[in-house]
Amino acid sequence: MKLQIIEKAYEWNTHEPLDGFYNPDDHIVFGETAGKAKYQLFKEMQDLGWVDSFDEIIQNYSIRRCKYNDKVKLPDAPILETLSQEQKQIVFHTNGNNDSIIGDRNHYFIKSENKDISALIEMGLMKKGNAIFDGQYYHLTEIGQQVANSVLTMKRIDVEYLSYKEPQKTESTLISLQTVKRCPEFLESNKDRECRIYSGQWGYYWRSNGSGYGGKSEAGIYTFKDAYDRTSHCGKEKGIYFEFIEGGES
């Protein structure tokens, strides 16, 4: 999965002994380069009254690259363009996008299914859970979670945690055949984009010219319009998704 780096992280240390418990998360500073990160450290230390000049940073502090604390963003999910504001809020709230630990929530409780929940289920982003007392639980599917996470800026280590916790069989750049049928304007505006065709029924990709199935490395490359024309007759049970190919990906 190709991540966009929003801010590079660096860990700083002082050459003098530290008092108390050492917490690495408290020793992170961000910058486009090591030099800019060191200057940012100077500004933070100056605000705290710990140093008076940049020379003190040069003499007494060192920094090193700390990639796992980078602030990164997942690839954009094209399906977001087709969702209403209400549907987006349901997806984000279900995922716990405003919680301190992303992805641990994954539930939405209401007394009765509404049109937005029904649409999200139809698009393959949500599924029905247990009925309790006078209400019903709904949960994000794996792809629904990826869509919710795609709008967040997270630490690289948290992205890796989510990948370990929920193994990703697909990328967040997928959009279902049912969604495209509901939003023909999305097809028209993206008809020339390149994509792969993924079959949820079999868990494999279509090869070139629709000649059987294979792994991702064997997948055929289609224009979005061609892929849609080849699959538009398929029913929901086929689980057809279009996986867009981003710049630089092969």
Protein backbone atom coordinates (compact mmCIF):
# COMPACT_ATOMS: atom_id res chain seq x y z
CA MET A 1 0.00 0.00 0.00
CA LYS A 2 1.42 3.36 -1.04
CA LEU A 3 1.33 5.87 1.83
CA GLN A 4 1.60 9.63 1.47
CA ILE A 5 4.03 11.11 4.00
CA ILE A 6 2.48 14.25 5.50
CA GLU A 7 5.25 14.97 8.04
CA LYS A 8 8.59 13.23 8.60
CA ALA A 9 9.36 12.31 12.19
CA TYR A 10 12.66 12.56 14.03
CA GLU A 11 13.55 11.39 17.55
CA TRP A 12 15.66 13.76 19.62
CA ASN A 13 17.99 13.01 22.50
CA THR A 14 20.12 15.11 24.78
CA HIS A 15 23.73 14.37 25.65
CA GLU A 16 22.94 15.07 29.30
CA PRO A 17 21.23 12.51 31.61
CA LEU A 18 17.40 12.76 31.65
CA ASP A 19 15.42 12.84 34.85
CA GLY A 20 12.47 10.48 35.28
CA PHE A 21 10.91 7.93 32.90
CA TYR A 22 11.93 8.12 29.23
CA ASN A 23 8.96 8.09 26.85
CA PRO A 24 10.03 7.97 23.17
CA ASP A 25 6.72 9.54 22.07
CA ASP A 26 7.67 12.69 24.00
CA HIS A 27 10.92 12.92 22.04
CA ILE A 28 9.43 13.26 18.55
CA VAL A 29 9.76 16.36 16.41
CA PHE A 30 8.65 16.84 12.79
CA GLY A 31 10.34 18.48 9.83
CA GLU A 32 10.81 18.20 6.08
CA THR A 33 14.54 17.66 6.64
CA ALA A 34 16.78 16.91 9.63
CA GLY A 35 17.86 20.56 9.71
CA LYS A 36 14.28 21.83 9.78
CA ALA A 37 13.37 19.29 12.45
CA LYS A 38 16.29 20.50 14.57
CA TYR A 39 15.09 24.09 14.18
CA GLN A 40 11.57 23.03 15.18
CA LEU A 41 13.09 21.38 18.26
CA PHE A 42 14.83 24.67 19.08
CA LYS A 43 11.52 26.58 18.89
CA GLU A 44 9.80 24.06 21.17
CA MET A 45 12.66 24.06 23.69
CA GLN A 46 12.84 27.86 23.60
CA ASP A 47 9.09 28.10 24.36
CA LEU A 48 9.64 25.83 27.36
CA GLY A 49 12.53 27.99 28.55
CA TRP A 50 15.02 25.13 28.27
CA VAL A 51 17.37 26.81 25.79
CA ASP A 52 18.19 30.36 24.78
CA SER A 53 20.02 29.84 21.48
CA PHE A 54 20.14 27.47 18.54
CA ASP A 55 23.80 26.78 19.37
CA GLU A 56 22.64 24.99 22.52
CA ILE A 57 20.62 22.60 20.34
CA ILE A 58 23.64 21.98 18.10
CA GLN A 59 25.89 21.29 21.08
CA ASN A 60 23.61 19.34 23.40
CA TYR A 61 20.97 17.60 21.27
CA SER A 62 21.00 15.03 18.49
CA ILE A 63 18.19 13.83 16.25
CA ARG A 64 17.71 10.73 14.12
CA ARG A 65 15.09 9.67 11.60
CA CYS A 66 12.14 7.85 13.16
CA LYS A 67 9.98 6.56 10.28
CA TYR A 68 7.45 4.64 12.35
CA ASN A 69 6.26 7.95 13.85
CA ASP A 70 5.82 9.67 10.47
CA LYS A 71 2.41 11.24 9.95
CA VAL A 72 1.03 9.49 6.88
CA LYS A 73 -2.18 9.28 4.89
CA LEU A 74 -3.68 6.24 3.19
CA PRO A 75 -4.63 6.35 -0.51
CA ASP A 76 -7.85 8.22 -1.25
CA ALA A 77 -10.96 6.06 -1.60
CA PRO A 78 -12.82 7.03 -4.81
CA ILE A 79 -16.09 5.71 -3.40
CA LEU A 80 -16.19 8.72 -1.04
CA GLU A 81 -17.10 10.87 -4.04
CA THR A 82 -20.38 8.98 -4.32
CA LEU A 83 -21.45 9.21 -0.66
CA SER A 84 -23.74 11.84 0.81
CA GLN A 85 -22.54 13.85 3.81
CA GLU A 86 -24.85 11.81 6.07
CA GLN A 87 -23.42 8.53 4.76
CA LYS A 88 -19.84 9.75 5.28
CA GLN A 89 -20.64 10.71 8.88
CA ILE A 90 -22.08 7.25 9.55
CA VAL A 91 -18.96 5.56 8.15
CA PHE A 92 -16.57 7.84 10.06
CA HIS A 93 -18.51 7.56 13.34
CA THR A 94 -18.75 3.77 13.05
CA ASN A 95 -14.98 3.57 12.60
CA GLY A 96 -14.34 5.93 15.52
CA ASN A 97 -12.43 8.48 13.45
CA ASN A 98 -12.51 10.94 16.35
CA ASP A 99 -11.49 8.36 18.96
CA SER A 100 -8.03 8.17 20.46
CA ILE A 101 -7.48 4.66 19.04
CA ILE A 102 -8.66 4.39 15.44
CA GLY A 103 -10.43 1.24 14.28
CA ASP A 104 -11.28 -0.22 17.72
CA ARG A 105 -14.90 0.97 17.64
CA ASN A 106 -16.54 -0.41 14.48
CA HIS A 107 -20.16 -0.35 15.55
CA TYR A 108 -23.22 1.78 14.93
CA PHE A 109 -26.40 1.28 16.94
CA ILE A 110 -29.83 2.50 15.86
CA LYS A 111 -33.40 1.38 16.49
CA SER A 112 -34.23 0.80 12.84
CA GLU A 113 -32.39 0.66 9.52
CA ASN A 114 -32.62 3.90 7.53
CA LYS A 115 -32.06 4.69 3.86
CA ASP A 116 -28.43 5.71 4.40
CA ILE A 117 -27.59 2.49 6.25
CA SER A 118 -29.37 0.50 3.54
CA ALA A 119 -27.34 2.27 0.83
CA LEU A 120 -24.06 1.62 2.65
CA ILE A 121 -24.94 -2.06 2.98
CA GLU A 122 -25.79 -2.18 -0.73
CA MET A 123 -22.39 -0.66 -1.55
CA GLY A 124 -20.59 -3.25 0.55
CA LEU A 125 -19.33 -0.77 3.14
CA MET A 126 -21.49 -1.95 6.08
CA LYS A 127 -23.11 -5.14 7.31
CA LYS A 128 -25.80 -5.98 9.83
CA GLY A 129 -24.74 -7.19 13.26
CA ASN A 130 -26.70 -8.39 16.29
CA ALA A 131 -30.17 -7.19 17.25
CA ILE A 132 -30.24 -6.18 20.93
CA PHE A 133 -33.32 -5.09 22.87
CA ASP A 134 -35.10 -2.54 20.69
CA GLY A 135 -32.19 -1.78 18.34
CA GLN A 136 -29.77 -3.12 15.78
CA TYR A 137 -25.98 -3.05 15.51
CA TYR A 138 -24.25 -2.37 12.20
CA HIS A 139 -20.56 -2.74 11.41
CA LEU A 140 -18.17 -1.66 8.69
CA THR A 141 -16.90 -4.29 6.30
CA GLU A 142 -13.15 -4.53 5.67
CA ILE A 143 -13.48 -2.20 2.70
CA GLY A 144 -15.69 0.16 4.75
CA GLN A 145 -12.93 0.43 7.34
CA GLN A 146 -10.37 1.24 4.66
CA VAL A 147 -12.66 3.96 3.29
CA ALA A 148 -13.05 5.48 6.77
CA ASN A 149 -9.29 5.36 7.39
CA SER A 150 -8.49 6.95 4.03
CA VAL A 151 -9.43 10.45 5.27
CA LEU A 152 -7.20 10.27 8.35
CA THR A 153 -3.65 11.38 9.00
CA MET A 154 -2.12 8.72 11.25
CA LYS A 155 1.22 7.58 12.56
CA ARG A 156 2.86 4.99 10.32
CA ILE A 157 3.01 2.54 13.21
CA ASP A 158 -0.77 2.83 13.66
CA VAL A 159 -1.33 2.05 9.98
CA GLU A 160 0.84 -1.04 10.38
CA TYR A 161 -1.16 -2.00 13.48
CA LEU A 162 -4.42 -1.76 11.53
CA SER A 163 -2.94 -3.84 8.71
CA TYR A 164 -1.92 -6.52 11.23
CA LYS A 165 -5.24 -6.41 13.06
CA GLU A 166 -7.37 -6.52 9.90
CA PRO A 167 -5.37 -8.18 7.09
CA GLN A 168 -6.20 -6.26 3.94
CA LYS A 169 -7.14 -8.44 0.99
CA THR A 170 -7.88 -5.37 -1.09
CA GLU A 171 -6.79 -1.74 -1.42
CA SER A 172 -8.90 1.25 -0.38
CA THR A 173 -8.94 2.32 -4.06
CA LEU A 174 -11.76 -0.14 -4.79
CA ILE A 175 -15.28 0.71 -5.80
CA SER A 176 -18.06 -1.84 -6.26
CA LEU A 177 -20.01 -2.54 -9.44
CA GLN A 178 -23.26 -1.80 -7.56
CA THR A 179 -21.98 1.64 -6.60
CA VAL A 180 -21.05 2.45 -10.19
CA LYS A 181 -24.51 1.40 -11.37
CA ARG A 182 -26.03 3.81 -8.86
CA CYS A 183 -23.70 6.66 -9.89
CA PRO A 184 -23.30 6.68 -13.69
CA GLU A 185 -21.81 10.18 -13.54
CA PHE A 186 -18.84 8.72 -11.62
CA LEU A 187 -18.25 6.26 -14.46
CA GLU A 188 -18.41 9.00 -17.06
CA SER A 189 -15.92 11.25 -15.26
CA ASN A 190 -13.44 8.40 -14.66
CA LYS A 191 -13.98 6.26 -17.76
CA ASP A 192 -10.36 6.48 -18.98
CA ARG A 193 -8.70 5.62 -15.65
CA GLU A 194 -6.87 2.30 -15.55
CA CYS A 195 -8.06 -0.38 -13.15
CA ARG A 196 -8.08 -4.07 -12.31
CA ILE A 197 -11.23 -6.17 -11.89
CA TYR A 198 -11.50 -8.00 -8.57
CA SER A 199 -13.95 -10.86 -7.94
CA GLY A 200 -15.05 -11.09 -4.31
CA GLN A 201 -16.78 -14.38 -5.09
CA TRP A 202 -13.49 -16.10 -5.93
CA GLY A 203 -10.99 -13.81 -4.21
CA TYR A 204 -9.02 -13.38 -7.44
CA TYR A 205 -8.51 -10.82 -10.18
CA TRP A 206 -9.62 -11.05 -13.79
CA ARG A 207 -6.80 -11.70 -16.24
CA SER A 208 -6.45 -9.73 -19.47
CA ASN A 209 -9.36 -9.95 -21.90
CA GLY A 210 -11.47 -11.66 -19.25
CA SER A 211 -9.52 -14.91 -19.69
CA GLY A 212 -9.88 -16.51 -16.29
CA TYR A 213 -8.71 -15.57 -12.81
CA GLY A 214 -5.34 -15.08 -11.14
CA GLY A 215 -3.43 -13.29 -8.41
CA LYS A 216 -2.75 -9.56 -8.45
CA SER A 217 0.47 -10.00 -10.40
CA GLU A 218 -1.53 -11.75 -13.15
CA ALA A 219 -4.34 -9.20 -13.24
CA GLY A 220 -5.27 -7.58 -16.53
CA ILE A 221 -5.27 -3.80 -16.85
CA TYR A 222 -8.49 -2.29 -18.19
CA THR A 223 -9.88 1.18 -18.69
CA PHE A 224 -12.68 1.79 -16.19
CA LYS A 225 -15.25 1.98 -19.02
CA ASP A 226 -14.06 -1.32 -20.54
CA ALA A 227 -14.04 -3.00 -17.13
CA TYR A 228 -17.59 -1.82 -16.46
CA ASP A 229 -18.86 -2.94 -19.86
CA ARG A 230 -17.38 -6.41 -19.30
CA THR A 231 -18.93 -6.83 -15.84
CA SER A 232 -22.19 -4.83 -15.90
CA HIS A 233 -24.22 -8.02 -16.40
CA CYS A 234 -22.83 -9.58 -13.17
CA GLY A 235 -25.06 -9.95 -10.14
CA LYS A 236 -24.26 -8.96 -6.56
CA GLU A 237 -23.20 -12.52 -5.74
CA LYS A 238 -20.14 -12.09 -7.98
CA GLY A 239 -18.73 -9.37 -5.69
CA ILE A 240 -17.22 -7.34 -8.53
CA TYR A 241 -14.94 -4.44 -7.57
CA PHE A 242 -12.81 -2.10 -9.66
CA GLU A 243 -9.35 -1.41 -8.26
CA PHE A 244 -7.95 1.84 -9.62
CA ILE A 245 -4.25 2.00 -10.44
CA GLU A 246 -2.56 5.04 -8.96
CA GLY A 247 0.30 6.99 -10.55
CA GLY A 248 3.58 5.10 -10.51
CA GLU A 249 1.95 1.77 -9.62
CA SER A 250 2.42 -1.21 -11.87
